[in-house]
N, C-alpha and C. Protein backbone atom coordinates (compact mmCIF):
# COMPACT_ATOMS: atom_id res chain seq x y z
N UNK A 1 0.83 -1.21 0.00
CA UNK A 1 0.00 0.00 0.00
C UNK A 1 0.87 1.27 0.00
N UNK A 2 1.82 1.34 0.92
CA UNK A 2 2.69 2.52 0.99
C UNK A 2 3.59 2.65 -0.24
N UNK A 3 3.96 1.50 -0.79
CA UNK A 3 4.81 1.52 -1.99
C UNK A 3 4.06 2.18 -3.15
N UNK A 4 2.77 1.87 -3.27
CA UNK A 4 1.96 2.47 -4.33
C UNK A 4 1.87 3.98 -4.18
N UNK A 5 1.68 4.42 -2.95
CA UNK A 5 1.60 5.86 -2.67
C UNK A 5 2.93 6.53 -3.03
N UNK A 6 4.01 5.88 -2.66
CA UNK A 6 5.34 6.41 -2.96
C UNK A 6 5.56 6.52 -4.46
N UNK A 7 5.19 5.48 -5.18
CA UNK A 7 5.33 5.49 -6.65
C UNK A 7 4.48 6.60 -7.26
N UNK A 8 3.26 6.76 -6.74
CA UNK A 8 2.35 7.78 -7.26
C UNK A 8 2.92 9.17 -7.03
N UNK A 9 3.49 9.40 -5.85
CA UNK A 9 4.10 10.70 -5.56
C UNK A 9 5.32 10.95 -6.45
N UNK A 10 6.09 9.93 -6.66
CA UNK A 10 7.27 10.05 -7.52
C UNK A 10 6.85 10.39 -8.94
N UNK A 11 5.81 9.73 -9.42
CA UNK A 11 5.29 9.98 -10.76
C UNK A 11 4.81 11.42 -10.88
N UNK A 12 4.05 11.87 -9.91
CA UNK A 12 3.57 13.26 -9.91
C UNK A 12 4.73 14.24 -9.92
N UNK A 13 5.75 13.93 -9.13
CA UNK A 13 6.93 14.80 -9.06
C UNK A 13 7.64 14.87 -10.41
N UNK A 14 7.79 13.73 -11.08
CA UNK A 14 8.45 13.70 -12.38
C UNK A 14 7.65 14.47 -13.42
N UNK A 15 6.33 14.30 -13.40
CA UNK A 15 5.47 15.03 -14.34
C UNK A 15 5.58 16.53 -14.09
N UNK A 16 5.58 16.90 -12.82
CA UNK A 16 5.70 18.31 -12.45
C UNK A 16 7.03 18.89 -12.94
N UNK A 17 8.11 18.15 -12.76
CA UNK A 17 9.44 18.59 -13.21
C UNK A 17 9.47 18.75 -14.73
N UNK A 18 8.90 17.80 -15.43
CA UNK A 18 8.87 17.89 -16.89
C UNK A 18 8.06 19.09 -17.34
N UNK A 19 6.94 19.33 -16.67
CA UNK A 19 6.09 20.46 -17.02
C UNK A 19 6.84 21.77 -16.77
N UNK A 20 7.55 21.87 -15.65
CA UNK A 20 8.31 23.08 -15.34
C UNK A 20 9.41 23.29 -16.38
N UNK A 21 10.10 22.24 -16.75
CA UNK A 21 11.14 22.33 -17.77
C UNK A 21 10.55 22.80 -19.09
N UNK A 22 9.39 22.26 -19.43
CA UNK A 22 8.73 22.62 -20.68
C UNK A 22 8.32 24.09 -20.65
N UNK A 23 7.84 24.55 -19.50
CA UNK A 23 7.42 25.94 -19.37
C UNK A 23 8.62 26.88 -19.55
N UNK A 24 9.74 26.54 -18.95
CA UNK A 24 10.94 27.36 -19.09
C UNK A 24 11.42 27.37 -20.54
N UNK A 25 11.36 26.22 -21.18
CA UNK A 25 11.76 26.10 -22.58
C UNK A 25 10.87 26.99 -23.45
N UNK A 26 9.56 26.92 -23.20
CA UNK A 26 8.59 27.71 -23.95
C UNK A 26 8.84 29.20 -23.75
N UNK A 27 9.11 29.62 -22.51
CA UNK A 27 9.37 31.03 -22.23
C UNK A 27 10.63 31.51 -22.94
N UNK A 28 11.67 30.73 -22.91
CA UNK A 28 12.92 31.11 -23.58
C UNK A 28 12.73 31.17 -25.09
N UNK A 29 11.89 30.29 -25.61
CA UNK A 29 11.59 30.28 -27.04
C UNK A 29 10.84 31.56 -27.42
N UNK A 30 9.87 31.94 -26.61
CA UNK A 30 9.11 33.17 -26.86
C UNK A 30 10.02 34.40 -26.80
N UNK A 31 10.93 34.42 -25.86
CA UNK A 31 11.87 35.53 -25.73
C UNK A 31 12.76 35.60 -26.97
N UNK A 32 13.21 34.46 -27.43
CA UNK A 32 14.04 34.40 -28.63
C UNK A 32 13.28 34.92 -29.85
N UNK A 33 12.04 34.49 -30.00
CA UNK A 33 11.20 34.93 -31.13
C UNK A 33 10.95 36.43 -31.06
N UNK A 34 10.61 36.93 -29.90
CA UNK A 34 10.31 38.36 -29.76
C UNK A 34 11.56 39.23 -29.95
N UNK A 35 12.72 38.72 -29.62
CA UNK A 35 13.94 39.50 -29.82
C UNK A 35 14.35 39.56 -31.29
N UNK A 36 13.91 38.59 -32.07
CA UNK A 36 14.24 38.59 -33.50
C UNK A 36 13.34 39.53 -34.29
N UNK A 37 12.14 39.77 -33.80
CA UNK A 37 11.19 40.61 -34.51
C UNK A 37 11.50 42.10 -34.34
């Protein structure tokens, strides 16, 4: 039971990290595009 909860939290944490990385990537991309215009 506790192992499942631990796995679920780990999964949520990984998804959150990927989402944050994606958000930073997207922001830097927008900055790059706006600086070229």
